[in-house]
C-alpha atoms as a PDB file:
ATOM      1  CA  MET A   1     -18.645  -3.810   4.416  1.00  0.00           C
ATOM      2  CA  ALA A   2     -15.669  -1.689   4.174  1.00  0.00           C
ATOM      3  CA  PHE A   3     -13.089  -2.680   7.060  1.00  0.00           C
ATOM      4  CA  LEU A   4     -11.609   0.741   6.259  1.00  0.00           C
ATOM      5  CA  GLN A   5     -13.342   4.207   5.968  1.00  0.00           C
ATOM      6  CA  THR A   6     -12.068   7.206   5.867  1.00  0.00           C
ATOM      7  CA  HIS A   7     -14.423  10.877   6.393  1.00  0.00           C
ATOM      8  CA  GLU A   8     -13.431  13.904   5.290  1.00  0.00           C
ATOM      9  CA  ILE A   9      -9.718  13.893   6.235  1.00  0.00           C
ATOM     10  CA  SER A  10      -7.810  16.835   5.811  1.00  0.00           C
ATOM     11  CA  MET A  11      -4.178  17.735   6.600  1.00  0.00           C
ATOM     12  CA  ARG A  12      -2.199  21.179   6.329  1.00  0.00           C
ATOM     13  CA  PHE A  13       1.479  21.626   6.748  1.00  0.00           C
ATOM     14  CA  GLY A  14       1.856  25.327   7.509  1.00  0.00           C
ATOM     15  CA  GLY A  15       0.200  27.184   4.121  1.00  0.00           C
ATOM     16  CA  ILE A  16       0.123  23.766   2.276  1.00  0.00           C
ATOM     17  CA  ASP A  17      -2.990  21.642   1.998  1.00  0.00           C
ATOM     18  CA  ALA A  18      -1.628  18.306   1.595  1.00  0.00           C
ATOM     19  CA  LEU A  19      -5.223  16.741   1.856  1.00  0.00           C
ATOM     20  CA  ASN A  20      -8.525  18.412   1.599  1.00  0.00           C
ATOM     21  CA  GLY A  21     -11.813  16.440   2.677  1.00  0.00           C
ATOM     22  CA  VAL A  22     -10.865  12.630   1.132  1.00  0.00           C
ATOM     23  CA  SER A  23     -12.986   9.936   2.093  1.00  0.00           C
ATOM     24  CA  ILE A  24     -11.799   6.575   0.956  1.00  0.00           C
ATOM     25  CA  SER A  25     -12.688   2.942   1.541  1.00  0.00           C
ATOM     26  CA  ALA A  26     -11.219  -0.524   1.322  1.00  0.00           C
ATOM     27  CA  GLU A  27     -13.108  -4.052   1.459  1.00  0.00           C
ATOM     28  CA  PRO A  28     -12.562  -7.046   2.824  1.00  0.00           C
ATOM     29  CA  GLY A  29     -12.220  -9.295  -0.351  1.00  0.00           C
ATOM     30  CA  LEU A  30     -10.645  -6.923  -2.714  1.00  0.00           C
ATOM     31  CA  VAL A  31      -7.481  -4.432  -3.542  1.00  0.00           C
ATOM     32  CA  THR A  32      -7.981  -1.377  -3.755  1.00  0.00           C
ATOM     33  CA  GLY A  33      -5.825   0.837  -6.104  1.00  0.00           C
ATOM     34  CA  LEU A  34      -4.741   4.675  -4.717  1.00  0.00           C
ATOM     35  CA  ILE A  35      -3.191   6.190  -7.212  1.00  0.00           C
ATOM     36  CA  GLY A  36      -1.994   9.771  -8.471  1.00  0.00           C
ATOM     37  CA  PRO A  37       0.744  12.006  -9.332  1.00  0.00           C
ATOM     38  CA  ASN A  38       3.657  12.394  -6.797  1.00  0.00           C
ATOM     39  CA  GLY A  39       3.193  14.783  -3.753  1.00  0.00           C
ATOM     40  CA  ALA A  40      -0.542  13.852  -4.446  1.00  0.00           C
ATOM     41  CA  GLY A  41      -0.899  13.139  -0.722  1.00  0.00           C
ATOM     42  CA  LYS A  42      -0.998   9.344  -0.629  1.00  0.00           C
ATOM     43  CA  THR A  43       1.492   8.508   2.035  1.00  0.00           C
ATOM     44  CA  THR A  44       0.559  11.040   4.044  1.00  0.00           C
ATOM     45  CA  LEU A  45      -2.922   9.469   4.156  1.00  0.00           C
ATOM     46  CA  PHE A  46      -1.157   6.316   4.656  1.00  0.00           C
ATOM     47  CA  ASN A  47       0.456   7.886   7.440  1.00  0.00           C
ATOM     48  CA  ILE A  48      -2.639   9.032   9.225  1.00  0.00           C
ATOM     49  CA  ILE A  49      -4.438   5.906   8.603  1.00  0.00           C
ATOM     50  CA  THR A  50      -1.181   3.939  10.825  1.00  0.00           C
ATOM     51  CA  GLY A  51      -1.490   6.898  13.229  1.00  0.00           C
ATOM     52  CA  LEU A  52       1.695   8.241  12.381  1.00  0.00           C
ATOM     53  CA  GLN A  53       0.357  11.695  11.982  1.00  0.00           C
ATOM     54  CA  PRO A  54      -2.788  13.277  13.350  1.00  0.00           C
ATOM     55  CA  PRO A  55      -5.364  14.795  11.025  1.00  0.00           C
ATOM     56  CA  THR A  56      -6.093  18.687  11.170  1.00  0.00           C
ATOM     57  CA  SER A  57      -9.485  17.790  10.459  1.00  0.00           C
ATOM     58  CA  GLY A  58     -11.362  14.369   9.596  1.00  0.00           C
ATOM     59  CA  GLN A  59     -12.021  10.826  11.056  1.00  0.00           C
ATOM     60  CA  VAL A  60     -10.156   7.245  10.577  1.00  0.00           C
ATOM     61  CA  PHE A  61     -12.747   4.173  10.636  1.00  0.00           C
ATOM     62  CA  LEU A  62     -11.688   0.314  11.565  1.00  0.00           C
ATOM     63  CA  ASP A  63     -14.122  -2.084  11.208  1.00  0.00           C
ATOM     64  CA  GLY A  64     -17.051   0.520  12.412  1.00  0.00           C
ATOM     65  CA  ARG A  65     -14.791   2.050  14.935  1.00  0.00           C
ATOM     66  CA  ASP A  66     -13.686   5.854  15.346  1.00  0.00           C
ATOM     67  CA  VAL A  67      -9.836   4.749  15.627  1.00  0.00           C
ATOM     68  CA  THR A  68      -8.879   8.774  15.029  1.00  0.00           C
ATOM     69  CA  SER A  69      -7.018   9.630  18.550  1.00  0.00           C
ATOM     70  CA  MET A  70      -5.676   6.013  18.463  1.00  0.00           C
ATOM     71  CA  SER A  71      -2.214   4.762  19.189  1.00  0.00           C
ATOM     72  CA  VAL A  72      -0.099   3.631  16.039  1.00  0.00           C
ATOM     73  CA  TYR A  73       0.260   0.080  18.285  1.00  0.00           C
ATOM     74  CA  ARG A  74      -3.279  -0.100  19.322  1.00  0.00           C
ATOM     75  CA  ARG A  75      -4.368   0.370  15.413  1.00  0.00           C
ATOM     76  CA  ALA A  76      -1.900  -2.312  14.276  1.00  0.00           C
ATOM     77  CA  ARG A  77      -3.415  -5.035  16.666  1.00  0.00           C
ATOM     78  CA  LEU A  78      -6.833  -3.848  15.409  1.00  0.00           C
ATOM     79  CA  GLY A  79      -5.404  -5.199  12.192  1.00  0.00           C
ATOM     80  CA  ILE A  80      -3.539  -2.840   9.663  1.00  0.00           C
ATOM     81  CA  GLY A  81      -0.452  -4.130   8.118  1.00  0.00           C
ATOM     82  CA  ARG A  82       1.786  -1.990   5.936  1.00  0.00           C
ATOM     83  CA  THR A  83       4.527  -1.783   3.783  1.00  0.00           C
ATOM     84  CA  PHE A  84       6.677   1.274   3.045  1.00  0.00           C
ATOM     85  CA  GLN A  85       7.574   3.210   0.348  1.00  0.00           C
ATOM     86  CA  ARG A  86      11.337   3.263   1.540  1.00  0.00           C
ATOM     87  CA  LEU A  87      12.272   0.051   2.549  1.00  0.00           C
ATOM     88  CA  GLU A  88      12.180  -0.838   5.777  1.00  0.00           C
ATOM     89  CA  ILE A  89      13.932  -4.195   7.176  1.00  0.00           C
ATOM     90  CA  PHE A  90      16.299  -5.717   9.580  1.00  0.00           C
ATOM     91  CA  GLY A  91      19.184  -5.795   7.073  1.00  0.00           C
ATOM     92  CA  SER A  92      21.262  -7.279   9.347  1.00  0.00           C
ATOM     93  CA  LEU A  93      19.140 -10.660  10.208  1.00  0.00           C
ATOM     94  CA  SER A  94      18.271 -13.530   7.901  1.00  0.00           C
ATOM     95  CA  VAL A  95      14.866 -13.518   6.064  1.00  0.00           C
ATOM     96  CA  ARG A  96      13.795 -15.984   8.100  1.00  0.00           C
ATOM     97  CA  ASP A  97      14.748 -13.725  11.270  1.00  0.00           C
ATOM     98  CA  ASN A  98      12.769 -10.730   9.745  1.00  0.00           C
ATOM     99  CA  ILE A  99       9.628 -12.927   9.814  1.00  0.00           C
ATOM    100  CA  ARG A 100      10.561 -14.696  12.927  1.00  0.00           C
ATOM    101  CA  VAL A 101      10.804 -11.888  15.340  1.00  0.00           C
ATOM    102  CA  THR A 102       7.112 -10.203  14.190  1.00  0.00           C
ATOM    103  CA  VAL A 103       5.699 -13.737  14.653  1.00  0.00           C
ATOM    104  CA  GLU A 104       7.699 -13.174  18.596  1.00  0.00           C
ATOM    105  CA  VAL A 105       6.025 -10.275  18.678  1.00  0.00           C
ATOM    106  CA  ARG A 106       2.567 -10.953  17.774  1.00  0.00           C
ATOM    107  CA  ARG A 107       2.754 -13.850  20.059  1.00  0.00           C
ATOM    108  CA  ARG A 108       3.623 -11.874  23.243  1.00  0.00           C
ATOM    109  CA  TRP A 109       0.696  -9.139  22.469  1.00  0.00           C
ATOM    110  CA  SER A 110      -1.862 -11.680  21.463  1.00  0.00           C
ATOM    111  CA  ARG A 111      -1.408 -14.354  23.714  1.00  0.00           C
ATOM    112  CA  GLN A 112      -2.299 -16.805  21.355  1.00  0.00           C
ATOM    113  CA  ARG A 113      -0.419 -20.380  21.213  1.00  0.00           C
ATOM    114  CA  ILE A 114       1.707 -19.865  17.760  1.00  0.00           C
ATOM    115  CA  ASP A 115       3.789 -22.462  16.407  1.00  0.00           C
ATOM    116  CA  ILE A 116       6.697 -19.883  15.789  1.00  0.00           C
ATOM    117  CA  LYS A 117       8.475 -21.894  13.087  1.00  0.00           C
ATOM    118  CA  HIS A 118       5.408 -23.379  11.635  1.00  0.00           C
ATOM    119  CA  GLU A 119       4.430 -19.471  11.128  1.00  0.00           C
ATOM    120  CA  THR A 120       7.518 -18.484   9.591  1.00  0.00           C
ATOM    121  CA  ASP A 121       7.838 -20.962   7.319  1.00  0.00           C
ATOM    122  CA  ALA A 122       4.450 -20.194   6.046  1.00  0.00           C
ATOM    123  CA  ILE A 123       4.761 -17.262   5.598  1.00  0.00           C
ATOM    124  CA  LEU A 124       8.175 -17.642   3.556  1.00  0.00           C
ATOM    125  CA  ALA A 125       6.485 -19.693   1.698  1.00  0.00           C
ATOM    126  CA  ARG A 126       3.661 -17.794   0.895  1.00  0.00           C
ATOM    127  CA  VAL A 127       5.986 -15.050  -0.227  1.00  0.00           C
ATOM    128  CA  GLY A 128       8.147 -17.206  -1.993  1.00  0.00           C
ATOM    129  CA  LEU A 129      11.301 -16.762  -0.145  1.00  0.00           C
ATOM    130  CA  GLU A 130      12.066 -20.315   0.961  1.00  0.00           C
ATOM    131  CA  GLU A 131      15.453 -20.537  -0.628  1.00  0.00           C
ATOM    132  CA  PHE A 132      16.513 -17.121   1.005  1.00  0.00           C
ATOM    133  CA  ALA A 133      15.435 -17.756   4.105  1.00  0.00           C
ATOM    134  CA  LYS A 134      19.088 -18.280   5.297  1.00  0.00           C
ATOM    135  CA  VAL A 135      20.035 -14.843   3.486  1.00  0.00           C
ATOM    136  CA  PRO A 136      20.988 -11.862   5.193  1.00  0.00           C
ATOM    137  CA  ALA A 137      18.201  -9.568   4.035  1.00  0.00           C
ATOM    138  CA  ASP A 138      20.611  -6.392   3.333  1.00  0.00           C
ATOM    139  CA  THR A 139      22.088  -8.836   0.730  1.00  0.00           C
ATOM    140  CA  LEU A 140      19.134  -9.298  -1.337  1.00  0.00           C
ATOM    141  CA  PRO A 141      17.950  -7.462  -4.561  1.00  0.00           C
ATOM    142  CA  THR A 142      15.234  -5.117  -4.029  1.00  0.00           C
ATOM    143  CA  GLY A 143      12.489  -6.596  -5.409  1.00  0.00           C
ATOM    144  CA  SER A 144      13.201  -9.607  -2.847  1.00  0.00           C
ATOM    145  CA  ALA A 145      13.848  -7.570  -0.031  1.00  0.00           C
ATOM    146  CA  ARG A 146      10.344  -5.963  -0.670  1.00  0.00           C
ATOM    147  CA  LEU A 147       8.873  -9.558  -0.327  1.00  0.00           C
ATOM    148  CA  VAL A 148      10.547  -9.772   2.997  1.00  0.00           C
ATOM    149  CA  GLU A 149       8.651  -6.587   4.445  1.00  0.00           C
ATOM    150  CA  LEU A 150       5.738  -7.589   2.952  1.00  0.00           C
ATOM    151  CA  GLY A 151       6.294 -11.263   4.637  1.00  0.00           C
ATOM    152  CA  ARG A 152       6.778  -9.017   8.107  1.00  0.00           C
ATOM    153  CA  ALA A 153       3.405  -7.292   7.519  1.00  0.00           C
ATOM    154  CA  LEU A 154       1.346 -10.783   6.883  1.00  0.00           C
ATOM    155  CA  ALA A 155       3.080 -11.921  10.136  1.00  0.00           C
ATOM    156  CA  THR A 156       1.150  -9.489  12.079  1.00  0.00           C
ATOM    157  CA  ARG A 157      -2.022 -11.167  10.846  1.00  0.00           C
ATOM    158  CA  PRO A 158      -3.331  -7.901   9.231  1.00  0.00           C
ATOM    159  CA  ARG A 159      -7.295  -7.666   8.015  1.00  0.00           C
ATOM    160  CA  LEU A 160      -6.113  -4.662   6.406  1.00  0.00           C
ATOM    161  CA  LEU A 161      -2.864  -4.474   4.242  1.00  0.00           C
ATOM    162  CA  LEU A 162      -1.315  -0.893   3.484  1.00  0.00           C
ATOM    163  CA  LEU A 163       1.632  -1.106   0.444  1.00  0.00           C
ATOM    164  CA  ASP A 164       3.199   1.548  -0.614  1.00  0.00           C
ATOM    165  CA  GLU A 165       4.959   1.261  -3.811  1.00  0.00           C
ATOM    166  CA  PRO A 166       5.771  -2.631  -3.278  1.00  0.00           C
ATOM    167  CA  GLY A 167       6.159  -3.032  -7.068  1.00  0.00           C
ATOM    168  CA  SER A 168       9.030  -0.402  -7.188  1.00  0.00           C
ATOM    169  CA  GLY A 169      12.118  -2.481  -8.026  1.00  0.00           C
ATOM    170  CA  LEU A 170      10.301  -5.574  -9.342  1.00  0.00           C
ATOM    171  CA  ASP A 171      11.282  -6.844 -12.907  1.00  0.00           C
ATOM    172  CA  ALA A 172       8.524  -8.393 -15.217  1.00  0.00           C
ATOM    173  CA  ALA A 173       7.764 -11.594 -13.566  1.00  0.00           C
ATOM    174  CA  GLU A 174       8.189 -10.846 -10.247  1.00  0.00           C
ATOM    175  CA  THR A 175       5.557  -7.722 -11.316  1.00  0.00           C
ATOM    176  CA  GLU A 176       3.621 -10.982 -12.353  1.00  0.00           C
ATOM    177  CA  ALA A 177       3.918 -12.737  -9.307  1.00  0.00           C
ATOM    178  CA  PHE A 178       3.117 -10.178  -7.025  1.00  0.00           C
ATOM    179  CA  GLY A 179      -0.010  -9.175  -8.834  1.00  0.00           C
ATOM    180  CA  LEU A 180      -1.195 -13.000  -8.134  1.00  0.00           C
ATOM    181  CA  LEU A 181      -0.022 -12.880  -4.831  1.00  0.00           C
ATOM    182  CA  LEU A 182      -2.572  -9.712  -4.373  1.00  0.00           C
ATOM    183  CA  ALA A 183      -5.106 -11.378  -5.879  1.00  0.00           C
ATOM    184  CA  GLU A 184      -4.732 -14.472  -3.460  1.00  0.00           C
ATOM    185  CA  LEU A 185      -4.264 -12.430  -0.632  1.00  0.00           C
ATOM    186  CA  ALA A 186      -7.632 -10.996  -1.270  1.00  0.00           C
ATOM    187  CA  GLN A 187      -9.479 -14.029  -1.536  1.00  0.00           C
ATOM    188  CA  ASP A 188      -8.151 -14.969   1.560  1.00  0.00           C
ATOM    189  CA  GLY A 189     -10.496 -11.848   3.300  1.00  0.00           C
ATOM    190  CA  LEU A 190      -7.939  -9.080   3.277  1.00  0.00           C
ATOM    191  CA  ALA A 191      -8.642  -5.761   2.441  1.00  0.00           C
ATOM    192  CA  VAL A 192      -6.007  -4.605   0.362  1.00  0.00           C
ATOM    193  CA  LEU A 193      -5.022  -0.515  -0.469  1.00  0.00           C
ATOM    194  CA  LEU A 194      -2.574  -0.173  -2.775  1.00  0.00           C
ATOM    195  CA  VAL A 195      -0.420   2.422  -3.645  1.00  0.00           C
ATOM    196  CA  GLU A 196       1.135   2.153  -6.864  1.00  0.00           C
ATOM    197  CA  HIS A 197       3.014   4.051 -10.010  1.00  0.00           C
ATOM    198  CA  ASP A 198       3.348   1.076 -12.362  1.00  0.00           C
ATOM    199  CA  MET A 199       0.194   1.076 -13.906  1.00  0.00           C
ATOM    200  CA  ASP A 200       0.269  -2.597 -15.354  1.00  0.00           C
ATOM    201  CA  LEU A 201       0.333  -3.846 -12.381  1.00  0.00           C
ATOM    202  CA  VAL A 202      -2.478  -1.869 -10.507  1.00  0.00           C
ATOM    203  CA  MET A 203      -4.929  -2.125 -13.291  1.00  0.00           C
ATOM    204  CA  LYS A 204      -4.390  -5.793 -13.392  1.00  0.00           C
ATOM    205  CA  ALA A 205      -4.653  -6.391  -9.883  1.00  0.00           C
ATOM    206  CA  CYS A 206      -7.267  -4.004  -8.424  1.00  0.00           C
ATOM    207  CA  SER A 207     -10.971  -4.392  -8.451  1.00  0.00           C
ATOM    208  CA  HIS A 208     -11.257  -0.736  -7.858  1.00  0.00           C
ATOM    209  CA  LEU A 209      -9.505   2.725  -8.097  1.00  0.00           C
ATOM    210  CA  MET A 210      -9.392   6.140  -6.743  1.00  0.00           C
ATOM    211  CA  VAL A 211      -7.140   8.659  -7.801  1.00  0.00           C
ATOM    212  CA  LEU A 212      -5.571  11.611  -5.461  1.00  0.00           C
ATOM    213  CA  ASP A 213      -4.881  15.102  -7.293  1.00  0.00           C
ATOM    214  CA  PHE A 214      -3.088  17.871  -5.090  1.00  0.00           C
ATOM    215  CA  GLY A 215      -4.628  16.131  -1.811  1.00  0.00           C
ATOM    216  CA  GLU A 216      -8.342  16.196  -3.462  1.00  0.00           C
ATOM    217  CA  LEU A 217     -10.203  12.797  -4.470  1.00  0.00           C
ATOM    218  CA  LEU A 218     -10.321  13.391  -8.436  1.00  0.00           C
ATOM    219  CA  ALA A 219     -11.886  10.038  -9.448  1.00  0.00           C
ATOM    220  CA  SER A 220     -12.945   6.533  -8.195  1.00  0.00           C
ATOM    221  CA  GLY A 221     -14.493   3.639 -10.222  1.00  0.00           C
ATOM    222  CA  THR A 222     -13.438   0.364 -11.518  1.00  0.00           C
ATOM    223  CA  PRO A 223      -9.936   0.120 -13.779  1.00  0.00           C
ATOM    224  CA  GLU A 224     -11.867   0.352 -16.868  1.00  0.00           C
ATOM    225  CA  GLU A 225     -13.835   3.762 -15.744  1.00  0.00           C
ATOM    226  CA  ILE A 226     -10.504   5.430 -14.468  1.00  0.00           C
ATOM    227  CA  ARG A 227      -8.924   4.386 -17.714  1.00  0.00           C
ATOM    228  CA  ALA A 228     -11.717   6.215 -19.764  1.00  0.00           C
ATOM    229  CA  ASN A 229     -12.043   8.886 -17.092  1.00  0.00           C
ATOM    230  CA  GLN A 230     -10.432  12.323 -19.305  1.00  0.00           C
ATOM    231  CA  GLN A 231      -9.744  14.078 -16.095  1.00  0.00           C
ATOM    232  CA  VAL A 232      -7.449  11.566 -14.632  1.00  0.00           C
ATOM    233  CA  GLN A 233      -6.210  11.520 -18.094  1.00  0.00           C
ATOM    234  CA  ASP A 234      -5.312  15.008 -17.795  1.00  0.00           C
ATOM    235  CA  ALA A 235      -4.301  15.581 -14.585  1.00  0.00           C
ATOM    236  CA  TYR A 236      -2.230  12.417 -14.092  1.00  0.00           C
ATOM    237  CA  LEU A 237      -1.479  10.200 -17.502  1.00  0.00           C
ATOM    238  CA  GLY A 238      -2.006  12.881 -19.801  1.00  0.00           C
ATOM    239  CA  VAL A 239       0.631  14.377 -22.318  1.00  0.00           C
ATOM    240  CA  GLU A 240       1.115  18.403 -22.017  1.00  0.00           C
ATOM    241  CA  GLU A 241       1.230  20.307 -25.323  1.00  0.00           C
ATOM    242  CA  PRO A 242       4.974  20.539 -26.569  1.00  0.00           C
ATOM    243  CA  PRO A 243       6.412  23.619 -25.892  1.00  0.00           C
ATOM    244  CA  VAL A 244       8.562  25.889 -28.737  1.00  0.00           C
ATOM    245  CA  GLY A 245      11.462  23.860 -29.987  1.00  0.00           C
ATOM    246  CA  GLY A 246       8.990  21.077 -29.932  1.00  0.00           C
ATOM    247  CA  ILE A 247      10.138  19.065 -27.080  1.00  0.00           C
ATOM    248  CA  THR A 248       7.018  16.832 -25.491  1.00  0.00           C
ATOM    249  CA  GLU A 249       6.743  17.140 -21.762  1.00  0.00           C
ATOM    250  CA  PRO A 250       5.198  14.348 -19.555  1.00  0.00           C
ATOM    251  CA  GLY A 251       2.046  14.670 -17.635  1.00  0.00           C
ATOM    252  CA  LEU A 252       2.175  15.368 -13.718  1.00  0.00           C
ATOM    253  CA  ALA A 253       3.143  11.644 -13.437  1.00  0.00           C
ATOM    254  CA  GLY A 254       5.385  11.240 -15.896  1.00  0.00           C
ATOM    255  CA  ALA A 255       3.574   7.898 -16.906  1.00  0.00           C
ATOM    256  CA  GLY A 256       2.359   8.491 -20.215  1.00  0.00           C
ATOM    257  CA  THR A 257      -1.274   6.577 -21.309  1.00  0.00           C
ATOM    258  CA  LEU A 258      -3.111   4.174 -18.992  1.00  0.00           C
ATOM    259  CA  PRO A 259      -2.277   0.748 -20.518  1.00  0.00           C
END
């Protein structure tokens, strides 16, 4: 059963429909991909799921519970962890302290007996940052900094993990390792919803894909089904006819074709 379900979510900004009747789901044990061109509404949908923006219409359900009117912090305590398209870390703190402060906050609100040092060390090991534990977070390359943000999200012990372009700034080796980590997290029972433009990562990591285009759900299916979908190729990953002069313009995403 899906841990996350959205029902007919619509979001209107002035005269613009950012989302129009979008229904998606994310199940425990699976990495689900949410792809689409820039401006398709992916981050807006994340903001609605987490409570940062109320939808114009529609509902959000977590574990079968309607949370559409629930505050951000209450949704987080029900099991939502998130990373952001723009890095959100405590740059002046060490990598360890970035994780530790989140563990301490969780211990306070959950009132659980948590060994902060053990929990922090376990998360550092999980995301592969032990050797950088004492390094100030703002001195890290982008790829490692994104792992800090992921570790902080994991420190909340989420049931649903929303990842907004976590592959940005990763080199080929880091991307490969990140894909394996996502698979491990899903195997542990997490529901992972991944927004990403790196199609190689998406195709390898995700069991199911949903495609947004102009705020609407264009297609949904397995990576193989999405790869073969002509609508997706035309709207997201296709190539337009060259104009006079012979210069080829990329499709909406500028991503070429699916791997």
